[in-house]
Protein backbone atom coordinates (compact mmCIF):
# COMPACT_ATOMS: atom_id res chain seq x y z
CA MET A 1 -68.42 -19.65 -27.33
CA THR A 2 -71.39 -19.97 -24.97
CA ALA A 3 -73.93 -17.20 -24.52
CA LEU A 4 -73.90 -14.94 -21.49
CA PRO A 5 -75.93 -16.26 -18.54
CA ASP A 6 -79.50 -15.14 -17.90
CA GLU A 7 -78.49 -14.52 -14.27
CA PHE A 8 -74.91 -13.57 -13.43
CA PRO A 9 -73.39 -14.78 -10.13
CA ILE A 10 -73.81 -12.09 -7.50
CA GLU A 11 -70.08 -11.36 -7.23
CA GLN A 12 -69.98 -10.58 -10.98
CA ARG A 13 -72.80 -8.03 -10.96
CA THR A 14 -70.72 -4.96 -11.77
CA VAL A 15 -70.67 -3.02 -15.03
CA GLY A 16 -66.95 -3.65 -15.55
CA GLN A 17 -67.16 -7.43 -15.16
CA ILE A 18 -70.28 -7.83 -17.29
CA LEU A 19 -68.92 -5.58 -20.05
CA ARG A 20 -65.65 -7.56 -20.07
CA GLN A 21 -67.54 -10.86 -20.49
CA ALA A 22 -69.79 -9.37 -23.18
CA ALA A 23 -66.77 -8.06 -25.11
CA ALA A 24 -65.13 -11.49 -24.98
CA ARG A 25 -68.34 -13.08 -26.27
CA TYR A 26 -69.43 -10.56 -28.93
CA GLN A 27 -66.13 -8.83 -29.81
CA ASP A 28 -66.61 -6.72 -32.97
CA LYS A 29 -70.40 -6.85 -32.95
CA PRO A 30 -71.95 -3.36 -32.63
CA VAL A 31 -73.17 -2.55 -29.13
CA VAL A 32 -74.21 1.05 -29.88
CA VAL A 33 -75.22 2.50 -33.24
CA ASP A 34 -75.73 6.25 -33.19
CA VAL A 35 -78.27 6.72 -35.99
CA GLU A 36 -76.73 10.15 -36.63
CA GLY A 37 -73.12 9.27 -35.87
CA PRO A 38 -70.58 6.52 -35.18
CA THR A 39 -70.95 2.84 -34.32
CA LEU A 40 -69.27 1.29 -31.29
CA SER A 41 -68.48 -2.42 -30.92
CA PHE A 42 -68.46 -4.42 -27.69
CA CYS A 43 -64.66 -4.61 -27.72
CA GLN A 44 -64.31 -0.91 -28.52
CA LEU A 45 -66.57 0.02 -25.61
CA ASP A 46 -64.66 -2.29 -23.26
CA ASP A 47 -61.30 -0.83 -24.31
CA TRP A 48 -62.58 2.74 -24.29
CA SER A 49 -64.02 2.42 -20.79
CA THR A 50 -60.64 1.15 -19.58
CA ARG A 51 -58.87 4.17 -21.08
CA ILE A 52 -61.37 6.54 -19.49
CA ALA A 53 -61.08 4.78 -16.12
CA ASN A 54 -57.31 5.26 -16.27
CA GLY A 55 -57.83 8.87 -17.35
CA LEU A 56 -60.07 9.47 -14.36
CA ILE A 57 -57.46 7.99 -12.03
CA ALA A 58 -54.74 10.14 -13.61
CA ASN A 59 -56.88 13.21 -12.99
CA GLY A 60 -57.35 12.42 -9.32
CA ILE A 61 -60.88 10.99 -9.36
CA GLU A 62 -61.06 8.82 -6.25
CA PHE A 63 -62.89 5.57 -5.59
CA GLN A 64 -66.60 6.29 -4.86
CA GLN A 65 -66.14 10.00 -5.65
CA PRO A 66 -69.20 11.63 -7.28
CA VAL A 67 -68.74 13.06 -10.79
CA LEU A 68 -71.43 15.20 -12.41
CA ILE A 69 -72.35 14.56 -16.05
CA MET A 70 -74.25 16.91 -18.34
CA LEU A 71 -73.93 15.41 -21.81
CA PRO A 72 -76.36 14.68 -24.65
CA ASP A 73 -76.92 11.12 -25.89
CA VAL A 74 -73.64 10.43 -27.68
CA VAL A 75 -71.43 7.33 -27.70
CA GLU A 76 -68.92 9.21 -25.53
CA LEU A 77 -71.52 9.30 -22.77
CA VAL A 78 -71.86 5.51 -22.89
CA ALA A 79 -68.08 5.14 -22.67
CA LEU A 80 -67.87 7.65 -19.80
CA TRP A 81 -70.61 5.83 -17.87
CA ALA A 82 -68.77 2.51 -18.25
CA GLY A 83 -65.42 4.14 -17.44
CA LEU A 84 -66.71 5.71 -14.23
CA ALA A 85 -68.19 2.35 -13.20
CA ARG A 86 -64.92 0.54 -13.93
CA ARG A 87 -62.95 3.07 -11.92
CA GLY A 88 -65.40 2.69 -9.02
CA ALA A 89 -66.45 6.35 -9.17
CA VAL A 90 -70.05 7.53 -8.84
CA GLU A 91 -71.87 9.11 -11.77
CA VAL A 92 -74.30 11.94 -11.08
CA PRO A 93 -76.23 12.55 -14.32
CA ILE A 94 -77.98 15.90 -14.74
CA ASN A 95 -81.26 16.26 -16.59
CA LEU A 96 -80.50 18.33 -19.69
CA ALA A 97 -83.59 20.47 -19.10
CA TYR A 98 -82.21 21.75 -15.79
CA ARG A 99 -81.16 25.36 -15.41
CA GLY A 100 -81.09 28.01 -12.71
CA VAL A 101 -81.91 26.88 -9.19
CA PHE A 102 -82.69 23.33 -10.37
CA LEU A 103 -79.15 23.00 -11.72
CA SER A 104 -77.36 24.68 -8.80
CA ARG A 105 -79.34 22.69 -6.23
CA ILE A 106 -78.22 19.34 -7.66
CA VAL A 107 -74.61 20.42 -8.19
CA ASN A 108 -74.37 21.62 -4.59
CA ASP A 109 -76.27 18.73 -3.04
CA SER A 110 -74.03 16.19 -4.78
CA THR A 111 -70.92 17.82 -3.23
CA ALA A 112 -69.13 16.91 -6.47
CA THR A 113 -65.99 18.82 -7.40
CA THR A 114 -65.92 17.68 -11.05
CA LEU A 115 -68.40 18.18 -13.89
CA VAL A 116 -68.17 16.68 -17.38
CA VAL A 117 -70.25 19.02 -19.52
CA HIS A 118 -71.07 19.63 -23.17
CA GLN A 119 -70.04 23.07 -24.34
CA ASP A 120 -73.67 23.82 -25.26
CA TYR A 121 -74.55 23.93 -21.55
CA LEU A 122 -71.71 26.18 -20.38
CA GLU A 123 -73.95 29.27 -20.35
CA ARG A 124 -76.23 27.52 -17.87
CA VAL A 125 -73.25 26.80 -15.63
CA ALA A 126 -72.12 30.41 -15.99
CA ASP A 127 -75.56 31.66 -14.93
CA VAL A 128 -75.31 29.89 -11.56
CA ALA A 129 -71.52 29.89 -11.10
CA ALA A 130 -71.67 32.23 -8.11
CA GLU A 131 -73.99 29.83 -6.27
CA LEU A 132 -71.91 26.67 -6.82
CA GLU A 133 -70.28 25.76 -3.53
CA THR A 134 -68.09 22.71 -4.18
CA LEU A 135 -67.56 22.56 -7.95
CA LYS A 136 -63.93 23.19 -8.89
CA ARG A 137 -63.25 21.60 -12.27
CA LEU A 138 -64.94 21.18 -15.65
CA PHE A 139 -64.09 18.74 -18.42
CA VAL A 140 -65.72 20.15 -21.56
CA PHE A 141 -66.97 17.99 -24.43
CA PRO A 142 -66.00 17.95 -27.21
CA ALA A 143 -63.46 20.64 -26.23
CA VAL A 144 -63.17 23.99 -24.47
CA PRO A 145 -64.61 26.67 -26.80
CA ASP A 146 -62.75 29.84 -27.69
CA ASP A 147 -65.59 31.97 -26.31
CA LEU A 148 -65.57 30.43 -22.83
CA PRO A 149 -67.57 32.68 -20.46
CA ASP A 150 -65.27 34.73 -18.24
CA VAL A 151 -67.05 33.70 -15.06
CA ILE A 152 -66.22 30.07 -15.82
CA SER A 153 -62.56 30.61 -16.73
CA LYS A 154 -62.03 32.68 -13.57
CA ARG A 155 -63.87 30.41 -11.16
CA PHE A 156 -63.06 26.86 -12.33
CA GLN A 157 -60.27 24.74 -13.73
CA VAL A 158 -61.38 24.04 -17.29
CA ARG A 159 -60.01 21.20 -19.41
CA ASP A 160 -60.86 19.33 -22.60
CA PHE A 161 -62.74 16.03 -22.43
CA ALA A 162 -59.65 14.51 -24.09
CA ASP A 163 -57.80 14.90 -20.78
CA ILE A 164 -59.81 12.01 -19.32
CA ASP A 165 -60.16 10.21 -22.65
CA GLY A 166 -56.54 9.11 -22.86
CA ASP A 167 -54.60 6.20 -24.34
CA ASP A 168 -53.64 4.20 -21.22
CA GLN A 169 -54.98 0.72 -21.94
CA SER A 170 -53.41 -0.98 -18.92
CA PRO A 171 -55.74 -3.02 -16.67
CA VAL A 172 -57.56 -0.96 -14.06
CA GLU A 173 -56.45 -2.21 -10.66
CA VAL A 174 -59.62 -1.37 -8.76
CA ASP A 175 -61.67 -3.94 -6.86
CA VAL A 176 -65.24 -2.80 -7.53
CA SER A 177 -67.92 -4.77 -5.67
CA TYR A 178 -71.56 -5.28 -6.54
CA ARG A 179 -72.39 -3.49 -3.26
CA ASP A 180 -70.44 -0.35 -4.19
CA MET A 181 -72.28 2.74 -5.34
CA ILE A 182 -72.48 3.27 -9.11
CA GLY A 183 -74.57 6.43 -9.19
CA ILE A 184 -76.56 9.15 -7.49
CA MET A 185 -79.72 9.50 -9.54
CA TYR A 186 -81.81 12.56 -8.74
CA THR A 187 -85.56 12.15 -8.58
CA SER A 188 -88.33 14.15 -6.97
CA GLY A 189 -88.98 11.39 -4.46
CA THR A 190 -91.96 11.53 -2.14
CA THR A 191 -91.89 15.07 -0.74
CA GLY A 192 -90.05 18.33 -1.16
CA VAL A 193 -87.17 19.07 -3.47
CA SER A 194 -85.35 16.52 -5.60
CA LYS A 195 -83.44 13.84 -3.72
CA GLY A 196 -80.36 11.92 -4.83
CA VAL A 197 -80.97 8.17 -4.89
CA MET A 198 -77.81 6.20 -4.05
CA VAL A 199 -77.74 3.07 -6.20
CA SER A 200 -75.35 0.13 -6.15
CA HIS A 201 -73.96 -1.95 -9.00
CA ALA A 202 -76.30 -4.75 -7.86
CA HIS A 203 -79.27 -2.37 -8.05
CA ALA A 204 -78.42 -1.25 -11.61
CA TYR A 205 -77.85 -4.88 -12.59
CA ARG A 206 -81.26 -5.96 -11.30
CA TYR A 207 -83.06 -3.16 -13.13
CA ALA A 208 -81.29 -3.91 -16.43
CA ARG A 209 -81.71 -7.66 -16.06
CA ASN A 210 -85.43 -7.32 -15.28
CA VAL A 211 -86.07 -5.09 -18.29
CA GLY A 212 -84.02 -7.26 -20.65
CA MET A 213 -85.86 -10.41 -19.61
CA ASN A 214 -89.26 -8.72 -19.58
CA HIS A 215 -88.80 -7.32 -23.09
CA GLY A 216 -87.47 -10.63 -24.37
CA VAL A 217 -84.18 -9.06 -25.50
CA THR A 218 -81.71 -11.47 -27.17
CA ASP A 219 -78.42 -11.13 -29.01
CA GLN A 220 -80.40 -11.02 -32.25
CA ASP A 221 -82.14 -7.78 -31.30
CA ARG A 222 -81.55 -4.13 -32.15
CA TYR A 223 -82.94 -2.04 -29.31
CA TYR A 224 -84.24 1.45 -30.18
CA THR A 225 -84.15 4.16 -27.50
CA ALA A 226 -87.23 6.05 -28.82
CA GLY A 227 -86.10 9.28 -27.21
CA LEU A 228 -85.31 7.87 -23.76
CA PRO A 229 -82.40 10.04 -22.57
CA LEU A 230 -79.36 8.34 -21.11
CA PHE A 231 -79.45 10.52 -17.99
CA HIS A 232 -82.53 8.45 -17.06
CA ILE A 233 -82.29 4.92 -15.72
CA ALA A 234 -84.74 3.73 -18.39
CA GLY A 235 -82.37 4.72 -21.17
CA GLN A 236 -79.10 4.01 -19.37
CA TRP A 237 -79.96 0.73 -17.65
CA GLY A 238 -83.18 -0.38 -19.34
CA VAL A 239 -81.75 -0.07 -22.85
CA VAL A 240 -77.94 0.27 -22.82
CA TYR A 241 -77.00 -1.92 -19.84
CA SER A 242 -79.59 -4.60 -20.63
CA SER A 243 -78.30 -4.70 -24.22
CA ILE A 244 -74.75 -5.24 -22.97
CA MET A 245 -75.75 -8.16 -20.76
CA ARG A 246 -78.06 -9.65 -23.43
CA GLY A 247 -75.71 -9.14 -26.39
CA ALA A 248 -78.09 -6.81 -28.24
CA THR A 249 -77.33 -3.64 -30.23
CA VAL A 250 -78.56 -0.21 -29.09
CA LEU A 251 -79.98 2.15 -31.72
CA LEU A 252 -79.33 5.58 -30.24
CA ARG A 253 -81.20 8.73 -31.24
CA ARG A 254 -80.97 12.06 -29.45
CA GLY A 255 -84.53 13.02 -28.55
CA TYR A 256 -87.79 11.64 -29.87
CA LYS A 257 -88.91 12.66 -33.35
CA ASN A 258 -92.33 11.37 -34.37
CA ASP A 259 -91.64 11.57 -38.10
CA LEU A 260 -88.39 9.60 -37.74
CA PHE A 261 -89.61 6.72 -35.56
CA TRP A 262 -90.57 4.29 -38.33
CA LYS A 263 -87.77 5.53 -40.58
CA ASP A 264 -85.20 4.64 -37.92
CA ILE A 265 -86.85 1.27 -37.26
CA ALA A 266 -86.80 0.41 -40.98
CA GLU A 267 -83.33 1.69 -41.86
CA HIS A 268 -81.58 0.25 -38.79
CA GLY A 269 -83.64 -2.89 -38.25
CA GLY A 270 -85.05 -2.00 -34.84
CA THR A 271 -86.73 -5.04 -33.28
CA VAL A 272 -87.32 -3.86 -29.70
CA VAL A 273 -88.34 -0.49 -28.28
CA PHE A 274 -88.74 0.87 -24.75
CA MET A 275 -91.37 3.61 -24.98
CA LEU A 276 -93.35 5.84 -22.70
CA GLY A 277 -97.12 5.70 -22.96
CA ALA A 278 -97.15 9.20 -24.44
CA ILE A 279 -94.87 8.08 -27.28
CA ALA A 280 -97.11 5.05 -27.88
CA ASN A 281 -100.07 7.39 -28.11
CA PHE A 282 -98.29 9.61 -30.66
CA ILE A 283 -97.53 6.55 -32.79
CA TRP A 284 -101.07 5.21 -32.41
CA GLN A 285 -102.54 8.51 -33.61
CA GLN A 286 -100.56 8.49 -36.85
CA PRO A 287 -102.66 7.67 -39.95
CA GLU A 288 -103.03 3.94 -40.51
CA SER A 289 -101.06 2.30 -43.29
CA ALA A 290 -101.17 -1.11 -44.94
CA GLU A 291 -97.49 -1.41 -43.96
CA ASP A 292 -98.05 -0.87 -40.22
CA ALA A 293 -97.62 -4.56 -39.37
CA HIS A 294 -94.78 -5.10 -41.84
CA THR A 295 -91.78 -3.55 -40.08
CA PRO A 296 -88.81 -5.09 -38.24
CA LEU A 297 -90.36 -4.12 -34.88
CA GLU A 298 -91.43 -7.16 -32.84
CA LYS A 299 -91.40 -6.25 -29.14
CA VAL A 300 -92.56 -3.13 -27.31
CA GLY A 301 -92.05 -2.22 -23.66
CA MET A 302 -94.82 0.32 -22.95
CA TYR A 303 -94.92 2.32 -19.69
CA PRO A 304 -97.77 2.80 -18.92
CA VAL A 305 -99.87 0.94 -21.45
CA ILE A 306 -102.31 3.10 -23.38
CA PRO A 307 -106.03 2.21 -23.44
CA GLU A 308 -105.67 1.04 -27.05
CA HIS A 309 -102.77 -1.32 -26.27
CA GLU A 310 -104.51 -4.43 -27.62
CA ALA A 311 -105.41 -2.69 -30.89
CA PHE A 312 -101.88 -1.23 -30.97
CA ALA A 313 -100.36 -4.73 -30.74
CA LYS A 314 -102.60 -6.03 -33.52
CA ARG A 315 -102.14 -3.04 -35.82
CA PHE A 316 -98.35 -3.01 -35.62
CA GLY A 317 -97.83 -6.76 -35.28
CA VAL A 318 -95.97 -6.54 -31.96
CA LEU A 319 -96.01 -8.08 -28.50
CA ILE A 320 -96.32 -5.65 -25.59
CA ALA A 321 -94.65 -5.85 -22.18
CA SER A 322 -95.01 -3.47 -19.26
CA GLY A 323 -94.30 -3.24 -15.55
CA TYR A 324 -93.80 -1.02 -12.54
CA GLY A 325 -90.79 0.30 -10.67
CA SER A 326 -88.89 3.43 -9.70
CA THR A 327 -85.37 4.78 -9.37
CA GLU A 328 -85.31 3.63 -5.75
CA ASN A 329 -86.78 0.18 -6.42
CA PRO A 330 -85.87 -1.87 -9.54
CA GLY A 331 -89.34 -3.33 -9.91
CA PRO A 332 -91.54 -5.70 -7.92
CA CYS A 333 -93.62 -6.85 -10.86
CA SER A 334 -93.84 -7.07 -14.64
CA HIS A 335 -96.09 -7.96 -17.54
CA SER A 336 -94.09 -10.24 -19.81
CA LEU A 337 -94.46 -10.02 -23.57
CA GLY A 338 -97.96 -10.83 -24.78
CA SER A 339 -99.49 -11.54 -21.36
CA PRO A 340 -103.05 -10.18 -20.94
CA PHE A 341 -103.84 -6.93 -19.12
CA PRO A 342 -107.04 -7.08 -17.02
CA ASN A 343 -107.24 -3.27 -17.20
CA ASN A 344 -104.98 -0.26 -17.67
CA GLN A 345 -104.24 0.01 -13.94
CA CYS A 346 -102.74 -3.49 -13.81
CA VAL A 347 -98.95 -3.20 -13.93
CA GLY A 348 -98.04 -6.86 -13.75
CA TYR A 349 -97.49 -10.02 -11.76
CA LEU A 350 -95.44 -9.85 -8.58
CA LYS A 351 -91.85 -11.10 -8.89
CA GLU A 352 -90.31 -13.78 -6.72
CA THR A 353 -87.12 -11.70 -6.32
CA VAL A 354 -89.01 -8.99 -4.40
CA GLN A 355 -91.38 -9.10 -1.44
CA THR A 356 -94.31 -6.75 -2.06
CA ARG A 357 -97.03 -5.75 0.38
CA ILE A 358 -99.84 -3.23 0.32
CA MET A 359 -99.80 -1.35 3.64
CA ASP A 360 -102.28 0.97 5.31
CA GLU A 361 -101.27 4.23 7.02
CA ASN A 362 -100.07 2.23 10.05
CA ASP A 363 -98.01 -0.20 7.94
CA VAL A 364 -100.51 -3.00 8.53
CA PRO A 365 -100.92 -5.26 5.46
CA CYS A 366 -104.10 -4.71 3.43
CA ALA A 367 -106.34 -7.51 2.22
CA PRO A 368 -106.43 -8.33 -1.52
CA GLY A 369 -108.32 -5.67 -3.44
CA VAL A 370 -107.87 -3.01 -0.74
CA VAL A 371 -105.93 0.10 -1.75
CA GLY A 372 -102.88 1.05 0.30
CA GLU A 373 -99.26 2.08 -0.17
CA ILE A 374 -97.07 -0.21 -2.28
CA CYS A 375 -94.13 -1.35 -0.11
CA CYS A 376 -91.24 -3.58 -1.16
CA ARG A 377 -88.04 -5.25 -0.07
CA PRO A 378 -85.76 -7.45 -2.21
CA HIS A 379 -84.76 -11.01 -1.41
CA ASN A 380 -81.26 -10.36 -2.80
CA PRO A 381 -78.86 -7.95 -1.06
CA TRP A 382 -78.17 -4.40 -2.32
CA GLU A 383 -80.97 -4.47 -4.91
CA VAL A 384 -82.91 -1.52 -3.54
CA MET A 385 -81.52 1.98 -3.07
CA LEU A 386 -78.78 2.45 -0.49
CA GLY A 387 -80.55 5.59 0.71
CA TYR A 388 -81.07 9.23 -0.16
CA TRP A 389 -77.81 11.15 -0.55
CA ASN A 390 -77.24 13.51 2.40
CA LYS A 391 -80.80 12.95 3.62
CA PRO A 392 -80.72 10.42 6.46
CA GLU A 393 -84.14 11.40 7.81
CA ALA A 394 -85.79 10.86 4.41
CA THR A 395 -83.99 7.51 4.15
CA VAL A 396 -85.26 6.36 7.54
CA LYS A 397 -88.80 7.46 6.66
CA ALA A 398 -88.72 5.61 3.32
CA PHE A 399 -87.48 2.41 5.00
CA ARG A 400 -89.64 2.55 8.12
CA ASN A 401 -90.51 -0.83 9.59
CA LEU A 402 -87.89 -2.41 7.32
CA TRP A 403 -89.93 -1.92 4.13
CA PHE A 404 -89.26 0.51 1.30
CA HIS A 405 -92.30 2.75 0.94
CA THR A 406 -92.81 3.74 -2.69
CA GLY A 407 -95.21 6.64 -2.16
CA ASP A 408 -97.57 4.96 -4.65
CA ALA A 409 -101.08 3.74 -3.93
CA GLY A 410 -102.22 0.41 -5.30
CA TYR A 411 -103.66 -2.99 -4.54
CA VAL A 412 -103.01 -6.68 -5.26
CA ASP A 413 -105.70 -9.07 -6.49
CA GLU A 414 -106.19 -12.75 -5.66
CA GLN A 415 -104.05 -13.78 -8.65
CA GLY A 416 -101.01 -11.85 -7.40
CA ARG A 417 -101.33 -9.00 -9.89
CA LEU A 418 -100.40 -5.47 -8.83
CA TYR A 419 -102.57 -2.47 -9.70
CA PHE A 420 -101.27 1.11 -9.59
CA VAL A 421 -103.94 3.61 -8.53
CA ASP A 422 -102.27 6.98 -7.85
CA ARG A 423 -99.44 8.78 -6.10
CA VAL A 424 -99.77 8.85 -2.33
CA THR A 425 -97.55 11.91 -2.11
CA ASP A 426 -97.25 15.24 -3.87
CA SER A 427 -95.01 13.91 -6.61
CA LEU A 428 -96.37 13.42 -10.10
CA ARG A 429 -95.05 11.96 -13.32
CA ARG A 430 -95.19 13.46 -16.80
CA ARG A 431 -93.70 11.90 -19.95
CA GLY A 432 -91.34 9.79 -17.86
CA GLU A 433 -90.19 12.74 -15.71
CA ASN A 434 -90.78 12.74 -11.96
CA ILE A 435 -91.94 16.17 -10.82
CA SER A 436 -92.19 17.53 -7.29
CA SER A 437 -95.32 19.65 -6.98
CA MET A 438 -93.59 21.58 -4.20
CA GLU A 439 -90.85 22.72 -6.58
CA VAL A 440 -93.40 23.93 -9.13
CA GLU A 441 -95.40 25.67 -6.41
CA ASP A 442 -92.28 27.46 -5.16
CA ILE A 443 -91.77 29.05 -8.57
CA VAL A 444 -95.44 29.90 -9.22
CA ASN A 445 -95.69 31.54 -5.80
CA GLN A 446 -92.81 33.86 -6.73
CA HIS A 447 -95.05 35.58 -9.31
CA ASP A 448 -96.07 39.02 -8.03
CA GLN A 449 -99.78 38.55 -8.74
CA VAL A 450 -100.10 35.06 -7.20
CA LEU A 451 -101.30 34.81 -3.61
CA GLU A 452 -101.03 31.04 -3.23
CA CYS A 453 -101.29 27.95 -5.38
CA ALA A 454 -101.62 24.18 -5.40
CA VAL A 455 -100.05 21.96 -8.05
CA PHE A 456 -101.42 18.50 -8.77
CA PRO A 457 -101.68 15.93 -11.57
CA VAL A 458 -104.58 15.46 -13.95
CA TRP A 459 -105.00 12.84 -16.66
CA ALA A 460 -105.00 14.13 -20.23
CA ASP A 461 -105.62 12.67 -23.69
CA GLU A 462 -102.13 11.13 -23.95
CA SER A 463 -102.90 8.65 -21.13
CA GLU A 464 -100.28 10.48 -19.11
CA GLN A 465 -100.33 12.87 -16.22
CA GLU A 466 -100.22 16.60 -16.93
CA VAL A 467 -99.35 19.40 -14.50
CA MET A 468 -102.24 21.56 -13.31
CA VAL A 469 -102.11 24.55 -10.98
CA ALA A 470 -104.98 26.12 -9.08
CA LEU A 471 -104.17 29.59 -7.79
CA THR A 472 -105.61 32.62 -6.09
CA CYS A 473 -104.59 36.16 -7.00
CA GLN A 474 -103.21 38.88 -4.78
CA PRO A 475 -105.94 41.32 -3.68
CA GLY A 476 -106.71 43.73 -6.49
CA SER A 477 -104.56 41.78 -8.97
CA THR A 478 -105.18 39.45 -11.87
CA VAL A 479 -102.99 36.75 -13.38
CA GLU A 480 -102.64 36.41 -17.14
CA PRO A 481 -102.16 32.65 -17.76
CA ALA A 482 -99.88 33.02 -20.81
CA GLU A 483 -97.68 35.48 -18.91
CA LEU A 484 -97.48 33.07 -15.96
CA ILE A 485 -96.42 30.28 -18.32
CA ALA A 486 -93.62 32.48 -19.71
CA PHE A 487 -92.60 33.28 -16.12
CA CYS A 488 -92.41 29.57 -15.27
CA ASN A 489 -90.66 28.64 -18.53
CA GLN A 490 -87.78 30.96 -17.63
CA ARG A 491 -87.33 29.41 -14.20
CA MET A 492 -87.97 25.67 -14.44
CA PRO A 493 -87.41 22.75 -16.82
CA TYR A 494 -89.93 22.72 -19.66
CA PHE A 495 -91.50 19.43 -18.56
CA MET A 496 -92.46 20.96 -15.18
CA VAL A 497 -94.30 23.95 -16.67
CA PRO A 498 -98.04 23.60 -15.98
CA ARG A 499 -100.34 22.82 -18.86
CA TYR A 500 -103.57 23.71 -17.06
CA ILE A 501 -104.32 26.80 -14.94
CA ASP A 502 -107.40 27.40 -12.80
CA ILE A 503 -107.80 30.82 -11.18
CA VAL A 504 -110.06 30.23 -8.18
CA GLU A 505 -111.63 32.23 -5.36
CA GLU A 506 -110.05 30.06 -2.69
CA ILE A 507 -108.00 26.89 -2.34
CA PRO A 508 -109.51 24.19 -0.09
CA LYS A 509 -107.75 23.75 3.25
CA THR A 510 -107.92 21.66 6.39
CA PRO A 511 -109.01 23.22 9.71
CA THR A 512 -105.33 23.66 10.53
CA GLY A 513 -104.71 25.64 7.34
CA LYS A 514 -103.03 22.94 5.22
CA ILE A 515 -103.94 22.88 1.53
CA GLN A 516 -106.18 19.98 0.50
CA LYS A 517 -105.36 18.76 -2.99
CA PHE A 518 -107.80 15.87 -3.05
CA PRO A 519 -110.84 18.06 -3.91
CA LEU A 520 -108.83 19.76 -6.64
CA ARG A 521 -107.79 16.44 -8.17
CA GLU A 522 -111.38 15.21 -7.97
CA ARG A 523 -112.67 18.31 -9.75
CA GLY A 524 -109.90 18.17 -12.36
CA ILE A 525 -110.31 20.06 -15.62
CA THR A 526 -113.42 22.24 -15.85
CA ALA A 527 -114.95 24.59 -18.41
CA SER A 528 -113.08 27.50 -16.80
CA THR A 529 -109.67 25.80 -16.93
CA TRP A 530 -107.08 27.49 -19.13
CA ASP A 531 -105.18 24.99 -21.36
CA ARG A 532 -101.71 25.98 -22.56
CA ILE A 533 -101.80 23.59 -25.53
CA ALA A 534 -105.31 24.58 -26.61
CA GLU A 535 -104.22 28.22 -26.50
CA GLY A 536 -101.20 27.46 -28.70
CA VAL A 537 -98.61 28.65 -26.18
CA LYS A 538 -95.21 27.12 -26.99
CA LEU A 539 -92.46 26.39 -24.48
CA LYS A 540 -88.75 27.11 -24.79
CA ARG A 541 -86.78 23.91 -24.29
């Protein structure tokens, strides 16, 4: 039987169609190996997704209806993702670090009536149950516990996950198109609170196809997740979906564990890994061994590349790929395996499938080498976001003048290479998580002793951005940094909690009273900056 195509015809670019072809080609070959649990073959995943799709239909889930998911990285999540796609429903994955207002805001904004949730997260749902406006029904994995919180049993219909994981194997009679929505993926976006990015099947396909090609994934590979959660597009599309369309096997581990990385690679034959720059730095800092270059690992996708990437490749005997993209935009450029990096800001060569321009503040194209905003539009239809869910004004702003504006600053050189410089907006990125500085500021400003604050990114040792806050105190008050960290840790996801705190006399402002963050970013970390990690303050996750 022939291999799957490198590029599927546009009308076949749906999860259901590609999974069906992959199952016919690879049959009993493992598609997902949970390193702590079961193994799932291509045929098993195809059959399972059909049963779940029928179970969703039987439970009244309509075509293009949003369904919230709050599950850890288990094989059931992969089957549910494929089942929702086959039914033509819309997945809305929830970051497992979310709680409180961050959780209720997404649940309400999605307008979803159904949530598939692991029983470990029921207390979080109970904590915000009174604020949930549209949610009516929970499917609990693995099953409804005996000690179900009263507020949940009284407010919602609660059922076992088995109710949608049935035994109806009949063909799913749903005509799902590549232009139909597959998910609403929440990201901090360019300004304000988190926005839901509406993505099509064609969009997810392009992201997965780009990553698979860029990382050189083949049907001989075993693709290690390295802690990338499946509620993120990098884990879900970059690893799982690209493995399906390339015939590879996913090695799934829940969370990253530094002491288990090489053990997993050796025991399970991992040949490819998709890793964040922070993870690469952790691995690089491990003591050198004579066996470093003698492992199954051959190919590494590193985002962003660390300064020692060339030495990393030599030490571990691997080829490195990288690139640039976002939830809204599958990626205008890439660094293919082994290609040289002029410097650490270079994120790759521009792709022919995407038009990319660097624009000034008036959307006039910049000359090569001049920094402006990175703007894109795809040559193929439906391969950029459909828009922001329930936010038409933000959608229009992002697509002004018929270009998608990324909110990132960069430039292009004479050779057609793209360089990322900084965020144009108040978003920042830490360990693969997009963070809205406004959301962090809202919480910090709730502290009784804080007068006002400004949150911004700084670069730390891990070659990644860290969250820093500069604040002024209420008159006659003082702020204890460790106490402020505990305050934040109770109210926001752990990855948003600031690492650095500067207590200042005043925060720079424009003549009209708007906070200026540029001087704060320029000043960065100083001798007076309080460092959470240096002080040994641990976060609750």
